[in-house]
All heavy atoms as atom14 arrays in JSON, in Angstrom:
{
  "sequence": "LHEVCIVTGRGKRALDDHFDINYELEHQIQGTSKEET",
  "atom14_mask": [
    [1, 1, 1, 1, 1, 1, 1, 1, 0, 0, 0, 0, 0, 0],
    [1, 1, 1, 1, 1, 1, 1, 1, 1, 1, 0, 0, 0, 0],
    [1, 1, 1, 1, 1, 1, 1, 1, 1, 0, 0, 0, 0, 0],
    [1, 1, 1, 1, 1, 1, 1, 0, 0, 0, 0, 0, 0, 0],
    [1, 1, 1, 1, 1, 1, 0, 0, 0, 0, 0, 0, 0, 0],
    [1, 1, 1, 1, 1, 1, 1, 1, 0, 0, 0, 0, 0, 0],
    [1, 1, 1, 1, 1, 1, 1, 0, 0, 0, 0, 0, 0, 0],
    [1, 1, 1, 1, 1, 1, 1, 0, 0, 0, 0, 0, 0, 0],
    [1, 1, 1, 1, 0, 0, 0, 0, 0, 0, 0, 0, 0, 0],
    [1, 1, 1, 1, 1, 1, 1, 1, 1, 1, 1, 0, 0, 0],
    [1, 1, 1, 1, 0, 0, 0, 0, 0, 0, 0, 0, 0, 0],
    [1, 1, 1, 1, 1, 1, 1, 1, 1, 0, 0, 0, 0, 0],
    [1, 1, 1, 1, 1, 1, 1, 1, 1, 1, 1, 0, 0, 0],
    [1, 1, 1, 1, 1, 0, 0, 0, 0, 0, 0, 0, 0, 0],
    [1, 1, 1, 1, 1, 1, 1, 1, 0, 0, 0, 0, 0, 0],
    [1, 1, 1, 1, 1, 1, 1, 1, 0, 0, 0, 0, 0, 0],
    [1, 1, 1, 1, 1, 1, 1, 1, 0, 0, 0, 0, 0, 0],
    [1, 1, 1, 1, 1, 1, 1, 1, 1, 1, 0, 0, 0, 0],
    [1, 1, 1, 1, 1, 1, 1, 1, 1, 1, 1, 0, 0, 0],
    [1, 1, 1, 1, 1, 1, 1, 1, 0, 0, 0, 0, 0, 0],
    [1, 1, 1, 1, 1, 1, 1, 1, 0, 0, 0, 0, 0, 0],
    [1, 1, 1, 1, 1, 1, 1, 1, 0, 0, 0, 0, 0, 0],
    [1, 1, 1, 1, 1, 1, 1, 1, 1, 1, 1, 1, 0, 0],
    [1, 1, 1, 1, 1, 1, 1, 1, 1, 0, 0, 0, 0, 0],
    [1, 1, 1, 1, 1, 1, 1, 1, 0, 0, 0, 0, 0, 0],
    [1, 1, 1, 1, 1, 1, 1, 1, 1, 0, 0, 0, 0, 0],
    [1, 1, 1, 1, 1, 1, 1, 1, 1, 1, 0, 0, 0, 0],
    [1, 1, 1, 1, 1, 1, 1, 1, 1, 0, 0, 0, 0, 0],
    [1, 1, 1, 1, 1, 1, 1, 1, 0, 0, 0, 0, 0, 0],
    [1, 1, 1, 1, 1, 1, 1, 1, 1, 0, 0, 0, 0, 0],
    [1, 1, 1, 1, 0, 0, 0, 0, 0, 0, 0, 0, 0, 0],
    [1, 1, 1, 1, 1, 1, 1, 0, 0, 0, 0, 0, 0, 0],
    [1, 1, 1, 1, 1, 1, 0, 0, 0, 0, 0, 0, 0, 0],
    [1, 1, 1, 1, 1, 1, 1, 1, 1, 0, 0, 0, 0, 0],
    [1, 1, 1, 1, 1, 1, 1, 1, 1, 0, 0, 0, 0, 0],
    [1, 1, 1, 1, 1, 1, 1, 1, 1, 0, 0, 0, 0, 0],
    [1, 1, 1, 1, 1, 1, 1, 0, 0, 0, 0, 0, 0, 0]
  ],
  "atom14_positions": [
    [[0.86, -1.19, 0.0], [0.0, 0.0, 0.0], [0.9, 1.23, 0.0], [1.32, 1.71, 1.05], [-0.93, 0.0, 1.22], [-2.1, -0.99, 1.19], [-1.62, -2.44, 1.27], [-3.07, -0.73, 2.35], [0.0, 0.0, 0.0], [0.0, 0.0, 0.0], [0.0, 0.0, 0.0], [0.0, 0.0, 0.0], [0.0, 0.0, 0.0], [0.0, 0.0, 0.0]],
    [[1.18, 1.74, -1.19], [2.17, 2.8, -1.33], [1.56, 4.18, -1.5], [2.28, 5.18, -1.54], [3.1, 2.5, -2.5], [2.39, 2.33, -3.81], [2.07, 3.39, -4.62], [1.91, 1.22, -4.41], [1.43, 2.94, -5.7], [1.33, 1.63, -5.59], [0.0, 0.0, 0.0], [0.0, 0.0, 0.0], [0.0, 0.0, 0.0], [0.0, 0.0, 0.0]],
    [[0.24, 4.27, -1.6], [-0.44, 5.56, -1.65], [-0.99, 5.86, -0.25], [-1.97, 5.25, 0.18], [-1.55, 5.56, -2.7], [-1.03, 5.39, -4.12], [-2.12, 5.55, -5.15], [-3.09, 6.3, -4.9], [-2.01, 4.91, -6.21], [0.0, 0.0, 0.0], [0.0, 0.0, 0.0], [0.0, 0.0, 0.0], [0.0, 0.0, 0.0], [0.0, 0.0, 0.0]],
    [[-0.33, 6.76, 0.44], [-0.64, 7.05, 1.84], [-1.56, 8.27, 1.91], [-1.21, 9.35, 1.4], [0.65, 7.3, 2.64], [0.32, 7.67, 4.08], [1.55, 6.06, 2.6], [0.0, 0.0, 0.0], [0.0, 0.0, 0.0], [0.0, 0.0, 0.0], [0.0, 0.0, 0.0], [0.0, 0.0, 0.0], [0.0, 0.0, 0.0], [0.0, 0.0, 0.0]],
    [[-2.72, 8.08, 2.52], [-3.74, 9.14, 2.6], [-3.97, 9.45, 4.09], [-4.33, 8.55, 4.85], [-5.04, 8.67, 1.96], [-4.86, 7.97, 0.29], [0.0, 0.0, 0.0], [0.0, 0.0, 0.0], [0.0, 0.0, 0.0], [0.0, 0.0, 0.0], [0.0, 0.0, 0.0], [0.0, 0.0, 0.0], [0.0, 0.0, 0.0], [0.0, 0.0, 0.0]],
    [[-3.75, 10.67, 4.47], [-3.78, 11.04, 5.89], [-4.89, 12.06, 6.14], [-4.94, 13.11, 5.48], [-2.42, 11.59, 6.35], [-1.31, 10.56, 6.08], [-2.47, 11.93, 7.84], [0.08, 11.02, 6.47], [0.0, 0.0, 0.0], [0.0, 0.0, 0.0], [0.0, 0.0, 0.0], [0.0, 0.0, 0.0], [0.0, 0.0, 0.0], [0.0, 0.0, 0.0]],
    [[-5.78, 11.74, 7.09], [-6.82, 12.67, 7.51], [-6.28, 13.42, 8.72], [-6.07, 12.83, 9.79], [-8.12, 11.93, 7.87], [-9.17, 12.92, 8.36], [-8.64, 11.16, 6.66], [0.0, 0.0, 0.0], [0.0, 0.0, 0.0], [0.0, 0.0, 0.0], [0.0, 0.0, 0.0], [0.0, 0.0, 0.0], [0.0, 0.0, 0.0], [0.0, 0.0, 0.0]],
    [[-6.05, 14.7, 8.56], [-5.45, 15.5, 9.62], [-6.48, 16.48, 10.21], [-7.65, 16.48, 9.83], [-4.24, 16.3, 9.09], [-4.71, 17.28, 8.14], [-3.23, 15.39, 8.43], [0.0, 0.0, 0.0], [0.0, 0.0, 0.0], [0.0, 0.0, 0.0], [0.0, 0.0, 0.0], [0.0, 0.0, 0.0], [0.0, 0.0, 0.0], [0.0, 0.0, 0.0]],
    [[-6.0, 17.3, 11.13], [-6.84, 18.32, 11.74], [-5.98, 19.52, 12.09], [-4.8, 19.59, 11.74], [0.0, 0.0, 0.0], [0.0, 0.0, 0.0], [0.0, 0.0, 0.0], [0.0, 0.0, 0.0], [0.0, 0.0, 0.0], [0.0, 0.0, 0.0], [0.0, 0.0, 0.0], [0.0, 0.0, 0.0], [0.0, 0.0, 0.0], [0.0, 0.0, 0.0]],
    [[-6.56, 20.47, 12.81], [-5.81, 21.65, 13.2], [-4.61, 21.26, 14.07], [-4.7, 20.37, 14.91], [-6.72, 22.61, 13.98], [-7.75, 23.31, 13.12], [-8.64, 24.24, 13.93], [-9.43, 23.5, 14.91], [-10.57, 22.87, 14.62], [-11.02, 22.87, 13.38], [-11.23, 22.23, 15.57], [0.0, 0.0, 0.0], [0.0, 0.0, 0.0], [0.0, 0.0, 0.0]],
    [[-3.49, 21.92, 13.84], [-2.3, 21.66, 14.64], [-1.54, 20.41, 14.25], [-0.71, 19.92, 15.02], [0.0, 0.0, 0.0], [0.0, 0.0, 0.0], [0.0, 0.0, 0.0], [0.0, 0.0, 0.0], [0.0, 0.0, 0.0], [0.0, 0.0, 0.0], [0.0, 0.0, 0.0], [0.0, 0.0, 0.0], [0.0, 0.0, 0.0], [0.0, 0.0, 0.0]],
    [[-1.8, 19.88, 13.05], [-1.18, 18.62, 12.64], [-0.18, 18.8, 11.5], [0.15, 17.84, 10.81], [-2.28, 17.64, 12.21], [-3.26, 17.28, 13.3], [-2.73, 16.18, 14.19], [-3.77, 15.69, 15.18], [-3.42, 14.42, 15.79], [0.0, 0.0, 0.0], [0.0, 0.0, 0.0], [0.0, 0.0, 0.0], [0.0, 0.0, 0.0], [0.0, 0.0, 0.0]],
    [[0.31, 20.01, 11.29], [1.21, 20.26, 10.17], [2.51, 19.46, 10.26], [3.18, 19.22, 9.26], [1.53, 21.75, 10.07], [0.34, 22.62, 9.63], [-0.13, 22.23, 8.24], [0.91, 22.42, 7.26], [1.16, 23.57, 6.63], [0.43, 24.63, 6.89], [2.12, 23.65, 5.74], [0.0, 0.0, 0.0], [0.0, 0.0, 0.0], [0.0, 0.0, 0.0]],
    [[2.88, 19.04, 11.47], [4.1, 18.26, 11.62], [4.04, 16.96, 10.83], [5.08, 16.44, 10.4], [4.36, 17.96, 13.1], [0.0, 0.0, 0.0], [0.0, 0.0, 0.0], [0.0, 0.0, 0.0], [0.0, 0.0, 0.0], [0.0, 0.0, 0.0], [0.0, 0.0, 0.0], [0.0, 0.0, 0.0], [0.0, 0.0, 0.0], [0.0, 0.0, 0.0]],
    [[2.84, 16.41, 10.63], [2.69, 15.19, 9.83], [3.1, 15.45, 8.38], [3.82, 14.65, 7.77], [1.26, 14.68, 9.91], [0.78, 14.21, 11.28], [-0.72, 13.94, 11.27], [1.53, 12.97, 11.72], [0.0, 0.0, 0.0], [0.0, 0.0, 0.0], [0.0, 0.0, 0.0], [0.0, 0.0, 0.0], [0.0, 0.0, 0.0], [0.0, 0.0, 0.0]],
    [[2.62, 16.55, 7.82], [3.01, 16.92, 6.45], [4.52, 17.11, 6.36], [5.17, 16.63, 5.43], [2.33, 18.23, 6.03], [0.82, 18.21, 6.18], [0.33, 17.73, 7.21], [0.13, 18.66, 5.26], [0.0, 0.0, 0.0], [0.0, 0.0, 0.0], [0.0, 0.0, 0.0], [0.0, 0.0, 0.0], [0.0, 0.0, 0.0], [0.0, 0.0, 0.0]],
    [[5.07, 17.84, 7.35], [6.49, 18.17, 7.3], [7.37, 16.93, 7.45], [8.47, 16.87, 6.88], [6.83, 19.18, 8.42], [6.21, 20.54, 8.17], [5.87, 20.83, 7.0], [6.06, 21.31, 9.13], [0.0, 0.0, 0.0], [0.0, 0.0, 0.0], [0.0, 0.0, 0.0], [0.0, 0.0, 0.0], [0.0, 0.0, 0.0], [0.0, 0.0, 0.0]],
    [[6.91, 15.95, 8.23], [7.75, 14.77, 8.46], [8.01, 14.01, 7.16], [9.11, 13.5, 6.95], [7.09, 13.85, 9.48], [7.95, 12.68, 9.88], [9.14, 12.83, 10.56], [7.82, 11.35, 9.64], [9.69, 11.64, 10.75], [8.91, 10.72, 10.2], [0.0, 0.0, 0.0], [0.0, 0.0, 0.0], [0.0, 0.0, 0.0], [0.0, 0.0, 0.0]],
    [[7.0, 13.95, 6.31], [7.16, 13.23, 5.05], [7.51, 14.19, 3.91], [6.98, 14.11, 2.81], [5.89, 12.43, 4.74], [5.61, 11.36, 5.75], [4.6, 11.52, 6.69], [6.37, 10.2, 5.8], [4.34, 10.54, 7.64], [6.12, 9.21, 6.74], [5.11, 9.38, 7.66], [0.0, 0.0, 0.0], [0.0, 0.0, 0.0], [0.0, 0.0, 0.0]],
    [[8.41, 15.1, 4.2], [8.86, 16.08, 3.22], [10.35, 16.33, 3.46], [10.92, 15.93, 4.47], [8.07, 17.38, 3.37], [8.15, 18.28, 2.15], [8.86, 17.92, 1.18], [7.52, 19.35, 2.16], [0.0, 0.0, 0.0], [0.0, 0.0, 0.0], [0.0, 0.0, 0.0], [0.0, 0.0, 0.0], [0.0, 0.0, 0.0], [0.0, 0.0, 0.0]],
    [[10.99, 17.0, 2.53], [12.41, 17.32, 2.64], [12.61, 18.49, 3.58], [11.88, 19.49, 3.52], [13.01, 17.64, 1.24], [12.93, 16.4, 0.34], [14.46, 18.1, 1.37], [13.32, 16.68, -1.1], [0.0, 0.0, 0.0], [0.0, 0.0, 0.0], [0.0, 0.0, 0.0], [0.0, 0.0, 0.0], [0.0, 0.0, 0.0], [0.0, 0.0, 0.0]],
    [[13.6, 18.39, 4.44], [14.01, 19.51, 5.3], [15.4, 19.93, 4.81], [16.41, 19.38, 5.25], [14.05, 19.08, 6.77], [14.37, 20.22, 7.71], [15.09, 21.16, 7.35], [13.86, 20.15, 8.93], [0.0, 0.0, 0.0], [0.0, 0.0, 0.0], [0.0, 0.0, 0.0], [0.0, 0.0, 0.0], [0.0, 0.0, 0.0], [0.0, 0.0, 0.0]],
    [[15.44, 20.88, 3.89], [16.7, 21.22, 3.21], [17.79, 21.68, 4.18], [18.94, 21.27, 4.07], [16.44, 22.31, 2.16], [15.68, 21.81, 0.95], [14.33, 22.07, 0.8], [16.34, 21.07, -0.04], [13.63, 21.61, -0.31], [15.65, 20.61, -1.16], [14.3, 20.88, -1.28], [13.61, 20.41, -2.38], [0.0, 0.0, 0.0], [0.0, 0.0, 0.0]],
    [[17.42, 22.55, 5.13], [18.43, 23.1, 6.05], [19.04, 22.0, 6.91], [20.26, 21.89, 7.04], [17.79, 24.17, 6.94], [18.8, 24.84, 7.87], [18.19, 25.97, 8.67], [17.05, 26.36, 8.37], [18.86, 26.45, 9.59], [0.0, 0.0, 0.0], [0.0, 0.0, 0.0], [0.0, 0.0, 0.0], [0.0, 0.0, 0.0], [0.0, 0.0, 0.0]],
    [[18.18, 21.15, 7.51], [18.67, 20.06, 8.35], [19.54, 19.11, 7.54], [20.65, 18.74, 7.96], [17.49, 19.3, 8.96], [17.84, 17.98, 9.65], [18.71, 18.22, 10.88], [16.58, 17.22, 10.03], [0.0, 0.0, 0.0], [0.0, 0.0, 0.0], [0.0, 0.0, 0.0], [0.0, 0.0, 0.0], [0.0, 0.0, 0.0], [0.0, 0.0, 0.0]],
    [[19.06, 18.71, 6.38], [19.78, 17.72, 5.6], [21.11, 18.27, 5.08], [22.08, 17.53, 4.92], [18.89, 17.21, 4.47], [17.67, 16.47, 5.02], [16.81, 15.82, 3.94], [17.37, 15.39, 2.91], [15.58, 15.75, 4.14], [0.0, 0.0, 0.0], [0.0, 0.0, 0.0], [0.0, 0.0, 0.0], [0.0, 0.0, 0.0], [0.0, 0.0, 0.0]],
    [[21.15, 19.57, 4.84], [22.43, 20.19, 4.44], [23.42, 20.16, 5.59], [24.62, 19.9, 5.39], [22.19, 21.63, 3.99], [23.46, 22.38, 3.69], [24.23, 22.14, 2.57], [24.12, 23.36, 4.4], [25.29, 22.92, 2.58], [25.24, 23.67, 3.68], [0.0, 0.0, 0.0], [0.0, 0.0, 0.0], [0.0, 0.0, 0.0], [0.0, 0.0, 0.0]],
    [[22.92, 20.41, 6.81], [23.8, 20.48, 7.98], [24.43, 19.12, 8.3], [25.57, 19.04, 8.74], [23.02, 20.98, 9.2], [22.65, 22.45, 9.13], [23.87, 23.36, 9.18], [24.85, 23.06, 9.85], [23.82, 24.46, 8.44], [0.0, 0.0, 0.0], [0.0, 0.0, 0.0], [0.0, 0.0, 0.0], [0.0, 0.0, 0.0], [0.0, 0.0, 0.0]],
    [[23.7, 18.03, 8.08], [24.22, 16.71, 8.46], [24.8, 15.94, 7.26], [25.26, 14.81, 7.42], [23.14, 15.85, 9.15], [22.01, 15.51, 8.17], [22.62, 16.55, 10.39], [20.99, 14.56, 8.76], [0.0, 0.0, 0.0], [0.0, 0.0, 0.0], [0.0, 0.0, 0.0], [0.0, 0.0, 0.0], [0.0, 0.0, 0.0], [0.0, 0.0, 0.0]],
    [[24.78, 16.57, 6.1], [25.29, 15.89, 4.91], [26.76, 15.49, 5.09], [27.59, 16.28, 5.53], [25.15, 16.79, 3.67], [25.51, 16.11, 2.37], [25.24, 17.02, 1.18], [24.9, 18.19, 1.33], [25.39, 16.49, -0.02], [0.0, 0.0, 0.0], [0.0, 0.0, 0.0], [0.0, 0.0, 0.0], [0.0, 0.0, 0.0], [0.0, 0.0, 0.0]],
    [[27.05, 14.24, 4.78], [28.42, 13.75, 4.89], [28.84, 13.32, 6.27], [29.97, 12.88, 6.47], [0.0, 0.0, 0.0], [0.0, 0.0, 0.0], [0.0, 0.0, 0.0], [0.0, 0.0, 0.0], [0.0, 0.0, 0.0], [0.0, 0.0, 0.0], [0.0, 0.0, 0.0], [0.0, 0.0, 0.0], [0.0, 0.0, 0.0], [0.0, 0.0, 0.0]],
    [[27.93, 13.44, 7.27], [28.24, 13.0, 8.63], [27.57, 11.66, 8.91], [26.72, 11.19, 8.14], [27.76, 14.04, 9.67], [26.32, 13.98, 9.76], [28.2, 15.44, 9.27], [0.0, 0.0, 0.0], [0.0, 0.0, 0.0], [0.0, 0.0, 0.0], [0.0, 0.0, 0.0], [0.0, 0.0, 0.0], [0.0, 0.0, 0.0], [0.0, 0.0, 0.0]],
    [[27.91, 11.07, 10.05], [27.31, 9.79, 10.43], [25.81, 9.92, 10.69], [25.07, 8.94, 10.6], [28.0, 9.24, 11.68], [27.87, 10.16, 12.77], [0.0, 0.0, 0.0], [0.0, 0.0, 0.0], [0.0, 0.0, 0.0], [0.0, 0.0, 0.0], [0.0, 0.0, 0.0], [0.0, 0.0, 0.0], [0.0, 0.0, 0.0], [0.0, 0.0, 0.0]],
    [[25.34, 11.12, 11.0], [23.93, 11.34, 11.29], [23.07, 11.23, 10.04], [21.85, 11.03, 10.13], [23.72, 12.7, 11.95], [24.35, 12.82, 13.34], [23.97, 14.12, 14.0], [24.65, 14.25, 15.37], [24.23, 13.2, 16.3], [0.0, 0.0, 0.0], [0.0, 0.0, 0.0], [0.0, 0.0, 0.0], [0.0, 0.0, 0.0], [0.0, 0.0, 0.0]],
    [[23.67, 11.38, 8.88], [22.89, 11.31, 7.64], [22.2, 9.96, 7.49], [21.08, 9.86, 6.96], [23.79, 11.59, 6.43], [23.02, 11.76, 5.13], [23.91, 12.22, 3.99], [25.14, 12.11, 4.11], [23.36, 12.7, 2.98], [0.0, 0.0, 0.0], [0.0, 0.0, 0.0], [0.0, 0.0, 0.0], [0.0, 0.0, 0.0], [0.0, 0.0, 0.0]],
    [[22.83, 8.9, 7.99], [22.27, 7.57, 7.88], [20.96, 7.43, 8.64], [20.11, 6.61, 8.29], [23.29, 6.54, 8.39], [22.82, 5.09, 8.38], [22.46, 4.61, 6.99], [23.01, 5.13, 5.99], [21.61, 3.69, 6.89], [0.0, 0.0, 0.0], [0.0, 0.0, 0.0], [0.0, 0.0, 0.0], [0.0, 0.0, 0.0], [0.0, 0.0, 0.0]],
    [[20.76, 8.26, 9.68], [19.54, 8.15, 10.47], [18.3, 8.55, 9.67], [17.18, 8.24, 10.08], [19.62, 9.04, 11.73], [19.77, 10.41, 11.34], [20.8, 8.63, 12.61], [0.0, 0.0, 0.0], [0.0, 0.0, 0.0], [0.0, 0.0, 0.0], [0.0, 0.0, 0.0], [0.0, 0.0, 0.0], [0.0, 0.0, 0.0], [0.0, 0.0, 0.0]]
  ]
}
């Protein structure tokens, strides 16, 4: 089941953000051991 459909509500934007790219964070840890996490 690869099409994920999420019913959210007010104050739930963290769900959207979790399954999205965080450019600043990923740039900061690029090339370090933390990138594997």
